Amino acid sequence: MYQTKVFIALGSNIGDKIFNIKQSIHEIKNYGQVVNYGDIYISKPYGFKNQQNFFNTAILFFTNLQPIELMKKLSLIEIKLKKNKKIENGPRKIDMDIIFYGKQSISNKKLTIPHPRAHLRDFVLRPIADIDSNFIHPTKKISIRNLIFQLDENFTFRKLSNRNLR
């Protein structure tokens, strides 16, 4: 039985974006159990502006992998699927981040959990809210729903069903 509740954010803005996300989720299933999916949000680019819009979602995943192990597995999936990231916040076929790992707070040279900027990005928070809007951010001590209400800037502009991901 898988024990740790993990939220993973996924995004793509190159090629068949839904297929890229779906393929990534298929690979993630090798390391635990995906139990729920957020909807897909189309968002304008964050940071580097001269690129296509992103398709973003999140999954609720249970695993027995430790955070560093899980991060390494996600990195291997990104390599396998040819992430193609050449510019920070630039175009990429797939990007995956561990947003929350249980209620843990981890900060070292290799990994920071909760993701240090997740609370500022609606394209991360909204799909997580689809899964569990009452989840309490481990360090901010506030629900995902309330973090969304506090946002200064929104990047998402369209919502698609998650039925294409299953």
Protein backbone atom coordinates (compact mmCIF):
# COMPACT_ATOMS: atom_id res chain seq x y z
CA MET A 1 0.00 0.00 0.00
CA TYR A 2 1.30 3.44 -0.94
CA GLN A 3 1.57 5.78 1.99
CA THR A 4 2.54 9.36 1.19
CA LYS A 5 0.09 11.84 -0.36
CA VAL A 6 1.85 13.89 -3.04
CA PHE A 7 0.62 16.65 -5.35
CA ILE A 8 2.52 16.86 -8.63
CA ALA A 9 2.03 19.72 -11.09
CA LEU A 10 2.44 19.06 -14.80
CA GLY A 11 2.72 21.52 -17.68
CA SER A 12 3.41 21.48 -21.41
CA ASN A 13 3.50 24.03 -24.22
CA ILE A 14 5.21 22.17 -27.08
CA GLY A 15 3.55 19.71 -29.44
CA ASP A 16 0.46 17.76 -28.40
CA LYS A 17 0.23 19.18 -24.90
CA ILE A 18 -2.52 16.90 -23.59
CA PHE A 19 -0.74 13.83 -24.95
CA ASN A 20 2.53 14.96 -23.32
CA ILE A 21 0.82 15.32 -19.94
CA LYS A 22 -1.05 12.03 -20.34
CA GLN A 23 2.17 10.22 -21.27
CA SER A 24 3.91 11.68 -18.20
CA ILE A 25 1.09 10.54 -15.91
CA HIS A 26 1.32 7.07 -17.45
CA GLU A 27 5.03 6.98 -16.55
CA ILE A 28 4.42 8.33 -13.03
CA LYS A 29 2.11 5.38 -12.36
CA ASN A 30 5.23 3.17 -12.29
CA TYR A 31 6.14 4.75 -8.93
CA GLY A 32 2.83 4.80 -7.09
CA GLN A 33 -0.90 5.27 -7.51
CA VAL A 34 -2.58 8.24 -9.17
CA VAL A 35 -5.88 8.70 -7.33
CA ASN A 36 -7.20 11.99 -8.70
CA TYR A 37 -6.67 14.51 -11.49
CA GLY A 38 -7.13 18.27 -11.61
CA ASP A 39 -8.69 19.85 -14.65
CA ILE A 40 -6.44 21.22 -17.39
CA TYR A 41 -5.89 24.98 -17.36
CA ILE A 42 -4.62 26.91 -20.33
CA SER A 43 -2.44 29.75 -19.15
CA LYS A 44 -0.32 32.49 -20.56
CA PRO A 45 3.41 31.96 -20.08
CA TYR A 46 5.05 32.85 -16.78
CA GLY A 47 8.45 34.54 -16.91
CA PHE A 48 9.66 34.15 -20.51
CA LYS A 49 6.73 35.64 -22.47
CA ASN A 50 7.66 34.86 -26.10
CA GLN A 51 6.23 31.33 -26.26
CA GLN A 52 2.99 29.40 -26.65
CA ASN A 53 0.40 29.11 -23.90
CA PHE A 54 0.79 26.29 -21.39
CA PHE A 55 -1.55 23.45 -20.55
CA ASN A 56 -1.28 22.81 -16.79
CA THR A 57 -2.76 20.27 -14.43
CA ALA A 58 -2.00 18.45 -11.20
CA ILE A 59 -2.41 14.95 -9.89
CA LEU A 60 -2.89 13.50 -6.45
CA PHE A 61 -0.46 10.63 -6.19
CA PHE A 62 0.38 8.17 -3.43
CA THR A 63 3.89 6.73 -3.27
CA ASN A 64 6.41 5.07 -1.01
CA LEU A 65 9.34 6.87 -2.64
CA GLN A 66 11.18 9.43 -0.56
CA PRO A 67 11.11 13.02 -1.92
CA ILE A 68 14.62 12.98 -3.47
CA GLU A 69 13.95 9.56 -5.06
CA LEU A 70 10.66 10.82 -6.48
CA MET A 71 12.30 13.97 -7.84
CA LYS A 72 14.93 11.81 -9.58
CA LYS A 73 12.23 9.60 -11.10
CA LEU A 74 10.33 12.66 -12.39
CA SER A 75 13.57 14.01 -13.88
CA LEU A 76 14.15 10.68 -15.65
CA ILE A 77 10.62 10.81 -17.06
CA GLU A 78 11.25 14.37 -18.31
CA ILE A 79 14.46 13.19 -20.00
CA LYS A 80 12.72 10.15 -21.52
CA LEU A 81 9.96 12.37 -22.90
CA LYS A 82 12.49 14.97 -24.10
CA LYS A 83 11.59 17.87 -21.81
CA ASN A 84 13.54 20.19 -24.11
CA LYS A 85 13.96 23.06 -21.62
CA LYS A 86 16.60 25.49 -22.89
CA ILE A 87 15.45 28.75 -21.26
CA GLU A 88 14.39 29.24 -17.63
CA ASN A 89 10.56 29.38 -17.62
CA GLY A 90 10.81 28.76 -21.36
CA PRO A 91 9.07 26.38 -23.74
CA ARG A 92 9.06 22.70 -22.83
CA LYS A 93 7.40 19.50 -23.86
CA ILE A 94 6.81 18.52 -20.25
CA ASP A 95 7.56 19.93 -16.84
CA MET A 96 6.77 18.19 -13.56
CA ASP A 97 7.19 19.54 -10.05
CA ILE A 98 6.51 18.08 -6.64
CA ILE A 99 4.32 20.75 -5.06
CA PHE A 100 3.44 19.05 -1.77
CA TYR A 101 4.85 15.87 -0.26
CA GLY A 102 2.50 15.01 2.57
CA LYS A 103 2.68 17.86 5.03
CA GLN A 104 6.47 17.92 4.94
CA SER A 105 8.64 20.97 4.59
CA ILE A 106 12.01 20.26 2.95
CA SER A 107 14.65 22.76 1.96
CA ASN A 108 18.10 21.79 0.76
CA LYS A 109 20.31 22.33 -2.29
CA LYS A 110 18.52 19.63 -4.27
CA LEU A 111 14.88 20.12 -3.38
CA THR A 112 12.43 22.54 -1.80
CA ILE A 113 8.97 21.32 -0.78
CA PRO A 114 6.43 22.85 -0.73
CA HIS A 115 7.40 24.27 -4.10
CA PRO A 116 8.67 27.76 -3.21
CA ARG A 117 6.48 29.67 -5.71
CA ALA A 118 3.39 27.44 -5.91
CA HIS A 119 1.37 29.78 -3.68
CA LEU A 120 1.88 32.58 -6.24
CA ARG A 121 0.78 30.68 -9.35
CA ASP A 122 -2.86 30.09 -10.19
CA PHE A 123 -1.91 27.56 -12.87
CA VAL A 124 -0.52 25.39 -10.05
CA LEU A 125 -3.16 26.13 -7.41
CA ARG A 126 -6.31 25.80 -9.52
CA PRO A 127 -5.79 22.17 -10.60
CA ILE A 128 -4.83 21.27 -7.02
CA ALA A 129 -8.02 22.99 -5.81
CA ASP A 130 -10.00 20.76 -8.21
CA ILE A 131 -8.63 17.81 -6.25
CA ASP A 132 -8.68 19.20 -2.70
CA SER A 133 -9.44 22.90 -2.23
CA ASN A 134 -9.29 22.48 1.56
CA PHE A 135 -5.74 21.13 1.58
CA ILE A 136 -3.68 23.28 3.92
CA HIS A 137 -0.36 24.56 2.59
CA PRO A 138 2.19 23.15 5.09
CA THR A 139 4.16 26.37 5.56
CA LYS A 140 1.62 29.08 4.69
CA LYS A 141 -1.00 27.41 6.96
CA ILE A 142 -3.83 28.41 4.63
CA SER A 143 -6.10 26.40 2.33
CA ILE A 144 -5.52 26.14 -1.41
CA ARG A 145 -8.90 27.84 -1.94
CA ASN A 146 -7.85 30.85 0.14
CA LEU A 147 -4.43 31.05 -1.52
CA ILE A 148 -6.25 31.41 -4.86
CA PHE A 149 -8.36 34.27 -3.46
CA GLN A 150 -5.18 36.05 -2.35
CA LEU A 151 -3.44 35.95 -5.74
CA ASP A 152 -2.32 39.25 -7.24
CA GLU A 153 -2.03 37.94 -10.79
CA ASN A 154 -3.85 35.28 -12.79
CA PHE A 155 -2.30 33.44 -15.71
CA THR A 156 -5.06 30.95 -16.49
CA PHE A 157 -7.76 31.92 -18.96
CA ARG A 158 -9.47 28.67 -19.95
CA LYS A 159 -10.36 25.42 -18.22
CA LEU A 160 -10.65 22.02 -19.90
CA SER A 161 -11.98 18.80 -18.40
CA ASN A 162 -9.55 16.28 -16.98
CA ARG A 163 -11.38 13.41 -18.72
CA ASN A 164 -8.68 13.40 -21.44
CA LEU A 165 -6.06 12.42 -18.87
CA ARG A 166 -7.57 9.20 -17.52
